[in-house]
Amino acid sequence: MKPLLEKNILKDATINKVQFDKEWFYNFDDIAFYLKEDLSEVDTIFLPMLIDGEREFVKCCTFEDIIRGRKEFK
């Protein structure tokens, strides 16, 4: 399992992200590609995100959701 730090994914330009109410939400598909893991147990929500200049509703998750979902596989 690849180690994951929130400060690293915040800096990573390949991961689309959006902030709502002081909490960061990450594009689920970008995180799954970054980690190269099955994240089917991660809780997600659909949020509007600006991707390549276009507003789209995409599946997103928080850092805590990712950590919680990954622990279930241990």
PDB file of N, CA and C in Angstrom:
ATOM      1  N   MET A   1       0.845  -1.173   0.000  1.00  0.00           N
ATOM      2  CA  MET A   1       0.000   0.000   0.000  1.00  0.00           C
ATOM      3  C   MET A   1       0.895   1.241   0.000  1.00  0.00           C
ATOM      4  N   LYS A   2       0.642   2.135  -0.926  1.00  0.00           N
ATOM      5  CA  LYS A   2       1.426   3.357  -1.073  1.00  0.00           C
ATOM      6  C   LYS A   2       1.128   4.314   0.088  1.00  0.00           C
ATOM      7  N   PRO A   3       2.181   4.858   0.742  1.00  0.00           N
ATOM      8  CA  PRO A   3       1.930   5.824   1.821  1.00  0.00           C
ATOM      9  C   PRO A   3       1.246   7.068   1.270  1.00  0.00           C
ATOM     10  N   LEU A   4       0.371   7.649   2.067  1.00  0.00           N
ATOM     11  CA  LEU A   4      -0.412   8.778   1.598  1.00  0.00           C
ATOM     12  C   LEU A   4      -0.397   9.897   2.631  1.00  0.00           C
ATOM     13  N   LEU A   5       0.038  11.064   2.212  1.00  0.00           N
ATOM     14  CA  LEU A   5       0.010  12.258   3.046  1.00  0.00           C
ATOM     15  C   LEU A   5      -0.819  13.308   2.334  1.00  0.00           C
ATOM     16  N   GLU A   6      -1.698  13.975   3.078  1.00  0.00           N
ATOM     17  CA  GLU A   6      -2.578  14.948   2.447  1.00  0.00           C
ATOM     18  C   GLU A   6      -1.800  16.097   1.835  1.00  0.00           C
ATOM     19  N   LYS A   7      -0.717  16.521   2.459  1.00  0.00           N
ATOM     20  CA  LYS A   7       0.055  17.636   1.895  1.00  0.00           C
ATOM     21  C   LYS A   7       0.627  17.272   0.523  1.00  0.00           C
ATOM     22  N   ASN A   8       0.937  16.002   0.302  1.00  0.00           N
ATOM     23  CA  ASN A   8       1.463  15.571  -0.996  1.00  0.00           C
ATOM     24  C   ASN A   8       0.385  15.573  -2.073  1.00  0.00           C
ATOM     25  N   ILE A   9      -0.829  15.152  -1.727  1.00  0.00           N
ATOM     26  CA  ILE A   9      -1.869  15.146  -2.754  1.00  0.00           C
ATOM     27  C   ILE A   9      -2.397  16.558  -3.022  1.00  0.00           C
ATOM     28  N   LEU A  10      -2.278  17.442  -2.042  1.00  0.00           N
ATOM     29  CA  LEU A  10      -2.645  18.840  -2.282  1.00  0.00           C
ATOM     30  C   LEU A  10      -1.689  19.491  -3.275  1.00  0.00           C
ATOM     31  N   LYS A  11      -0.420  19.105  -3.235  1.00  0.00           N
ATOM     32  CA  LYS A  11       0.597  19.664  -4.134  1.00  0.00           C
ATOM     33  C   LYS A  11       0.565  19.039  -5.527  1.00  0.00           C
ATOM     34  N   ASP A  12       0.035  17.831  -5.636  1.00  0.00           N
ATOM     35  CA  ASP A  12       0.067  17.090  -6.896  1.00  0.00           C
ATOM     36  C   ASP A  12      -0.909  17.697  -7.915  1.00  0.00           C
ATOM     37  N   ALA A  13      -0.378  18.193  -9.007  1.00  0.00           N
ATOM     38  CA  ALA A  13      -1.195  18.849 -10.037  1.00  0.00           C
ATOM     39  C   ALA A  13      -2.035  17.859 -10.848  1.00  0.00           C
ATOM     40  N   THR A  14      -1.724  16.575 -10.789  1.00  0.00           N
ATOM     41  CA  THR A  14      -2.486  15.590 -11.558  1.00  0.00           C
ATOM     42  C   THR A  14      -3.791  15.198 -10.866  1.00  0.00           C
ATOM     43  N   ILE A  15      -3.950  15.593  -9.603  1.00  0.00           N
ATOM     44  CA  ILE A  15      -5.162  15.272  -8.846  1.00  0.00           C
ATOM     45  C   ILE A  15      -6.037  16.518  -8.775  1.00  0.00           C
ATOM     46  N   ASN A  16      -7.202  16.438  -9.401  1.00  0.00           N
ATOM     47  CA  ASN A  16      -8.154  17.552  -9.336  1.00  0.00           C
ATOM     48  C   ASN A  16      -8.770  17.585  -7.954  1.00  0.00           C
ATOM     49  N   LYS A  17      -8.940  18.797  -7.427  1.00  0.00           N
ATOM     50  CA  LYS A  17      -9.460  18.964  -6.079  1.00  0.00           C
ATOM     51  C   LYS A  17     -10.279  20.241  -5.982  1.00  0.00           C
ATOM     52  N   VAL A  18     -11.148  20.283  -4.975  1.00  0.00           N
ATOM     53  CA  VAL A  18     -11.967  21.469  -4.738  1.00  0.00           C
ATOM     54  C   VAL A  18     -12.168  21.586  -3.227  1.00  0.00           C
ATOM     55  N   GLN A  19     -12.234  22.814  -2.736  1.00  0.00           N
ATOM     56  CA  GLN A  19     -12.409  23.032  -1.304  1.00  0.00           C
ATOM     57  C   GLN A  19     -13.817  23.560  -1.028  1.00  0.00           C
ATOM     58  N   PHE A  20     -14.516  22.904  -0.094  1.00  0.00           N
ATOM     59  CA  PHE A  20     -15.824  23.327   0.381  1.00  0.00           C
ATOM     60  C   PHE A  20     -15.779  23.398   1.897  1.00  0.00           C
ATOM     61  N   ASP A  21     -16.190  24.518   2.454  1.00  0.00           N
ATOM     62  CA  ASP A  21     -16.240  24.695   3.914  1.00  0.00           C
ATOM     63  C   ASP A  21     -14.945  24.248   4.597  1.00  0.00           C
ATOM     64  N   LYS A  22     -13.833  24.708   4.100  1.00  0.00           N
ATOM     65  CA  LYS A  22     -12.501  24.449   4.660  1.00  0.00           C
ATOM     66  C   LYS A  22     -12.055  22.986   4.574  1.00  0.00           C
ATOM     67  N   GLU A  23     -12.775  22.158   3.840  1.00  0.00           N
ATOM     68  CA  GLU A  23     -12.388  20.759   3.672  1.00  0.00           C
ATOM     69  C   GLU A  23     -12.123  20.486   2.199  1.00  0.00           C
ATOM     70  N   TRP A  24     -11.026  19.778   1.925  1.00  0.00           N
ATOM     71  CA  TRP A  24     -10.660  19.446   0.551  1.00  0.00           C
ATOM     72  C   TRP A  24     -11.339  18.164   0.115  1.00  0.00           C
ATOM     73  N   PHE A  25     -11.840  18.185  -1.112  1.00  0.00           N
ATOM     74  CA  PHE A  25     -12.418  17.006  -1.745  1.00  0.00           C
ATOM     75  C   PHE A  25     -11.607  16.721  -3.003  1.00  0.00           C
ATOM     76  N   TYR A  26     -11.281  15.459  -3.201  1.00  0.00           N
ATOM     77  CA  TYR A  26     -10.414  15.043  -4.299  1.00  0.00           C
ATOM     78  C   TYR A  26     -11.203  14.215  -5.303  1.00  0.00           C
ATOM     79  N   ASN A  27     -10.870  14.384  -6.561  1.00  0.00           N
ATOM     80  CA  ASN A  27     -11.496  13.598  -7.622  1.00  0.00           C
ATOM     81  C   ASN A  27     -11.166  12.121  -7.377  1.00  0.00           C
ATOM     82  N   PHE A  28     -12.202  11.321  -7.209  1.00  0.00           N
ATOM     83  CA  PHE A  28     -12.039   9.907  -6.870  1.00  0.00           C
ATOM     84  C   PHE A  28     -11.207   9.149  -7.901  1.00  0.00           C
ATOM     85  N   ASP A  29     -11.477   9.380  -9.175  1.00  0.00           N
ATOM     86  CA  ASP A  29     -10.742   8.674 -10.229  1.00  0.00           C
ATOM     87  C   ASP A  29      -9.260   9.051 -10.223  1.00  0.00           C
ATOM     88  N   ASP A  30      -8.959  10.324  -9.955  1.00  0.00           N
ATOM     89  CA  ASP A  30      -7.556  10.761  -9.890  1.00  0.00           C
ATOM     90  C   ASP A  30      -6.829  10.095  -8.730  1.00  0.00           C
ATOM     91  N   ILE A  31      -7.492   9.997  -7.586  1.00  0.00           N
ATOM     92  CA  ILE A  31      -6.889   9.361  -6.408  1.00  0.00           C
ATOM     93  C   ILE A  31      -6.673   7.870  -6.670  1.00  0.00           C
ATOM     94  N   ALA A  32      -7.646   7.203  -7.261  1.00  0.00           N
ATOM     95  CA  ALA A  32      -7.513   5.770  -7.560  1.00  0.00           C
ATOM     96  C   ALA A  32      -6.353   5.528  -8.522  1.00  0.00           C
ATOM     97  N   PHE A  33      -6.200   6.382  -9.524  1.00  0.00           N
ATOM     98  CA  PHE A  33      -5.091   6.256 -10.466  1.00  0.00           C
ATOM     99  C   PHE A  33      -3.756   6.533  -9.764  1.00  0.00           C
ATOM    100  N   TYR A  34      -3.714   7.549  -8.917  1.00  0.00           N
ATOM    101  CA  TYR A  34      -2.503   7.918  -8.179  1.00  0.00           C
ATOM    102  C   TYR A  34      -2.041   6.768  -7.270  1.00  0.00           C
ATOM    103  N   LEU A  35      -2.985   6.148  -6.572  1.00  0.00           N
ATOM    104  CA  LEU A  35      -2.646   5.068  -5.641  1.00  0.00           C
ATOM    105  C   LEU A  35      -2.535   3.710  -6.312  1.00  0.00           C
ATOM    106  N   LYS A  36      -3.162   3.577  -7.494  1.00  0.00           N
ATOM    107  CA  LYS A  36      -3.201   2.292  -8.213  1.00  0.00           C
ATOM    108  C   LYS A  36      -3.759   1.189  -7.308  1.00  0.00           C
ATOM    109  N   GLU A  37      -4.899   1.518  -6.658  1.00  0.00           N
ATOM    110  CA  GLU A  37      -5.552   0.588  -5.744  1.00  0.00           C
ATOM    111  C   GLU A  37      -7.043   0.545  -6.035  1.00  0.00           C
ATOM    112  N   ASP A  38      -7.681  -0.528  -5.582  1.00  0.00           N
ATOM    113  CA  ASP A  38      -9.133  -0.616  -5.624  1.00  0.00           C
ATOM    114  C   ASP A  38      -9.671   0.172  -4.436  1.00  0.00           C
ATOM    115  N   LEU A  39     -10.379   1.240  -4.701  1.00  0.00           N
ATOM    116  CA  LEU A  39     -10.922   2.084  -3.632  1.00  0.00           C
ATOM    117  C   LEU A  39     -12.443   1.990  -3.568  1.00  0.00           C
ATOM    118  N   SER A  40     -12.984   0.842  -3.893  1.00  0.00           N
ATOM    119  CA  SER A  40     -14.433   0.684  -3.950  1.00  0.00           C
ATOM    120  C   SER A  40     -15.109   0.861  -2.591  1.00  0.00           C
ATOM    121  N   GLU A  41     -14.383   0.749  -1.504  1.00  0.00           N
ATOM    122  CA  GLU A  41     -14.954   0.917  -0.164  1.00  0.00           C
ATOM    123  C   GLU A  41     -14.910   2.366   0.326  1.00  0.00           C
ATOM    124  N   VAL A  42     -14.376   3.276  -0.471  1.00  0.00           N
ATOM    125  CA  VAL A  42     -14.269   4.685  -0.083  1.00  0.00           C
ATOM    126  C   VAL A  42     -15.608   5.377  -0.316  1.00  0.00           C
ATOM    127  N   ASP A  43     -16.078   6.114   0.700  1.00  0.00           N
ATOM    128  CA  ASP A  43     -17.312   6.891   0.571  1.00  0.00           C
ATOM    129  C   ASP A  43     -17.076   8.054  -0.374  1.00  0.00           C
ATOM    130  N   THR A  44     -18.047   8.319  -1.251  1.00  0.00           N
ATOM    131  CA  THR A  44     -17.902   9.395  -2.235  1.00  0.00           C
ATOM    132  C   THR A  44     -19.156  10.253  -2.278  1.00  0.00           C
ATOM    133  N   ILE A  45     -19.004  11.413  -2.884  1.00  0.00           N
ATOM    134  CA  ILE A  45     -20.098  12.350  -3.101  1.00  0.00           C
ATOM    135  C   ILE A  45     -19.845  13.019  -4.450  1.00  0.00           C
ATOM    136  N   PHE A  46     -20.903  13.405  -5.151  1.00  0.00           N
ATOM    137  CA  PHE A  46     -20.737  14.109  -6.420  1.00  0.00           C
ATOM    138  C   PHE A  46     -20.746  15.613  -6.160  1.00  0.00           C
ATOM    139  N   LEU A  47     -19.700  16.292  -6.612  1.00  0.00           N
ATOM    140  CA  LEU A  47     -19.546  17.729  -6.430  1.00  0.00           C
ATOM    141  C   LEU A  47     -19.163  18.391  -7.748  1.00  0.00           C
ATOM    142  N   PRO A  48     -19.514  19.674  -7.913  1.00  0.00           N
ATOM    143  CA  PRO A  48     -19.073  20.385  -9.114  1.00  0.00           C
ATOM    144  C   PRO A  48     -17.588  20.701  -9.015  1.00  0.00           C
ATOM    145  N   MET A  49     -16.876  20.486 -10.101  1.00  0.00           N
ATOM    146  CA  MET A  49     -15.439  20.728 -10.124  1.00  0.00           C
ATOM    147  C   MET A  49     -15.074  21.288 -11.489  1.00  0.00           C
ATOM    148  N   LEU A  50     -14.147  22.226 -11.509  1.00  0.00           N
ATOM    149  CA  LEU A  50     -13.670  22.809 -12.755  1.00  0.00           C
ATOM    150  C   LEU A  50     -12.521  21.956 -13.281  1.00  0.00           C
ATOM    151  N   ILE A  51     -12.749  21.284 -14.416  1.00  0.00           N
ATOM    152  CA  ILE A  51     -11.740  20.411 -15.016  1.00  0.00           C
ATOM    153  C   ILE A  51     -11.530  20.857 -16.451  1.00  0.00           C
ATOM    154  N   ASP A  52     -10.303  21.211 -16.770  1.00  0.00           N
ATOM    155  CA  ASP A  52      -9.947  21.688 -18.116  1.00  0.00           C
ATOM    156  C   ASP A  52     -10.855  22.833 -18.568  1.00  0.00           C
ATOM    157  N   GLY A  53     -11.170  23.723 -17.648  1.00  0.00           N
ATOM    158  CA  GLY A  53     -11.971  24.894 -17.966  1.00  0.00           C
ATOM    159  C   GLY A  53     -13.466  24.663 -18.043  1.00  0.00           C
ATOM    160  N   GLU A  54     -13.919  23.441 -17.787  1.00  0.00           N
ATOM    161  CA  GLU A  54     -15.343  23.125 -17.836  1.00  0.00           C
ATOM    162  C   GLU A  54     -15.822  22.619 -16.483  1.00  0.00           C
ATOM    163  N   ARG A  55     -16.995  23.069 -16.073  1.00  0.00           N
ATOM    164  CA  ARG A  55     -17.578  22.638 -14.803  1.00  0.00           C
ATOM    165  C   ARG A  55     -18.282  21.299 -14.999  1.00  0.00           C
ATOM    166  N   GLU A  56     -17.882  20.318 -14.204  1.00  0.00           N
ATOM    167  CA  GLU A  56     -18.458  18.973 -14.278  1.00  0.00           C
ATOM    168  C   GLU A  56     -18.787  18.499 -12.872  1.00  0.00           C
ATOM    169  N   PHE A  57     -19.798  17.649 -12.750  1.00  0.00           N
ATOM    170  CA  PHE A  57     -20.069  16.981 -11.489  1.00  0.00           C
ATOM    171  C   PHE A  57     -19.280  15.672 -11.501  1.00  0.00           C
ATOM    172  N   VAL A  58     -18.376  15.527 -10.540  1.00  0.00           N
ATOM    173  CA  VAL A  58     -17.521  14.344 -10.491  1.00  0.00           C
ATOM    174  C   VAL A  58     -17.598  13.697  -9.117  1.00  0.00           C
ATOM    175  N   LYS A  59     -17.275  12.413  -9.079  1.00  0.00           N
ATOM    176  CA  LYS A  59     -17.243  11.665  -7.833  1.00  0.00           C
ATOM    177  C   LYS A  59     -16.027  12.118  -7.041  1.00  0.00           C
ATOM    178  N   CYS A  60     -16.249  12.557  -5.799  1.00  0.00           N
ATOM    179  CA  CYS A  60     -15.176  13.089  -4.961  1.00  0.00           C
ATOM    180  C   CYS A  60     -15.172  12.407  -3.597  1.00  0.00           C
ATOM    181  N   CYS A  61     -14.044  12.532  -2.912  1.00  0.00           N
ATOM    182  CA  CYS A  61     -13.912  11.996  -1.566  1.00  0.00           C
ATOM    183  C   CYS A  61     -12.951  12.872  -0.771  1.00  0.00           C
ATOM    184  N   THR A  62     -13.054  12.799   0.543  1.00  0.00           N
ATOM    185  CA  THR A  62     -12.145  13.542   1.412  1.00  0.00           C
ATOM    186  C   THR A  62     -10.941  12.659   1.736  1.00  0.00           C
ATOM    187  N   PHE A  63      -9.923  13.268   2.304  1.00  0.00           N
ATOM    188  CA  PHE A  63      -8.746  12.519   2.716  1.00  0.00           C
ATOM    189  C   PHE A  63      -9.134  11.476   3.770  1.00  0.00           C
ATOM    190  N   GLU A  64     -10.000  11.853   4.698  1.00  0.00           N
ATOM    191  CA  GLU A  64     -10.439  10.931   5.749  1.00  0.00           C
ATOM    192  C   GLU A  64     -11.203   9.747   5.163  1.00  0.00           C
ATOM    193  N   ASP A  65     -12.027  10.008   4.139  1.00  0.00           N
ATOM    194  CA  ASP A  65     -12.745   8.926   3.461  1.00  0.00           C
ATOM    195  C   ASP A  65     -11.776   7.932   2.830  1.00  0.00           C
ATOM    196  N   ILE A  66     -10.720   8.455   2.238  1.00  0.00           N
ATOM    197  CA  ILE A  66      -9.719   7.597   1.588  1.00  0.00           C
ATOM    198  C   ILE A  66      -9.033   6.716   2.622  1.00  0.00           C
ATOM    199  N   ILE A  67      -8.592   7.322   3.720  1.00  0.00           N
ATOM    200  CA  ILE A  67      -7.896   6.571   4.772  1.00  0.00           C
ATOM    201  C   ILE A  67      -8.813   5.496   5.356  1.00  0.00           C
ATOM    202  N   ARG A  68     -10.055   5.866   5.637  1.00  0.00           N
ATOM    203  CA  ARG A  68     -11.016   4.920   6.209  1.00  0.00           C
ATOM    204  C   ARG A  68     -11.293   3.772   5.234  1.00  0.00           C
ATOM    205  N   GLY A  69     -11.462   4.054   3.967  1.00  0.00           N
ATOM    206  CA  GLY A  69     -11.726   3.035   2.954  1.00  0.00           C
ATOM    207  C   GLY A  69     -10.545   2.113   2.729  1.00  0.00           C
ATOM    208  N   ARG A  70      -9.343   2.669   2.806  1.00  0.00           N
ATOM    209  CA  ARG A  70      -8.142   1.847   2.617  1.00  0.00           C
ATOM    210  C   ARG A  70      -7.937   0.901   3.799  1.00  0.00           C
ATOM    211  N   LYS A  71      -8.273   1.304   5.010  1.00  0.00           N
ATOM    212  CA  LYS A  71      -8.068   0.471   6.201  1.00  0.00           C
ATOM    213  C   LYS A  71      -8.901  -0.805   6.169  1.00  0.00           C
ATOM    214  N   GLU A  72     -10.037  -0.743   5.484  1.00  0.00           N
ATOM    215  CA  GLU A  72     -10.903  -1.915   5.424  1.00  0.00           C
ATOM    216  C   GLU A  72     -10.270  -3.056   4.645  1.00  0.00           C
ATOM    217  N   PHE A  73      -9.250  -2.772   3.851  1.00  0.00           N
ATOM    218  CA  PHE A  73      -8.588  -3.820   3.065  1.00  0.00           C
ATOM    219  C   PHE A  73      -7.446  -4.480   3.819  1.00  0.00           C
ATOM    220  N   LYS A  74      -7.059  -3.945   4.946  1.00  0.00           N
ATOM    221  CA  LYS A  74      -5.913  -4.523   5.695  1.00  0.00           C
ATOM    222  C   LYS A  74      -6.273  -5.808   6.341  1.00  0.00           C
TER     223      LYS A  74
END
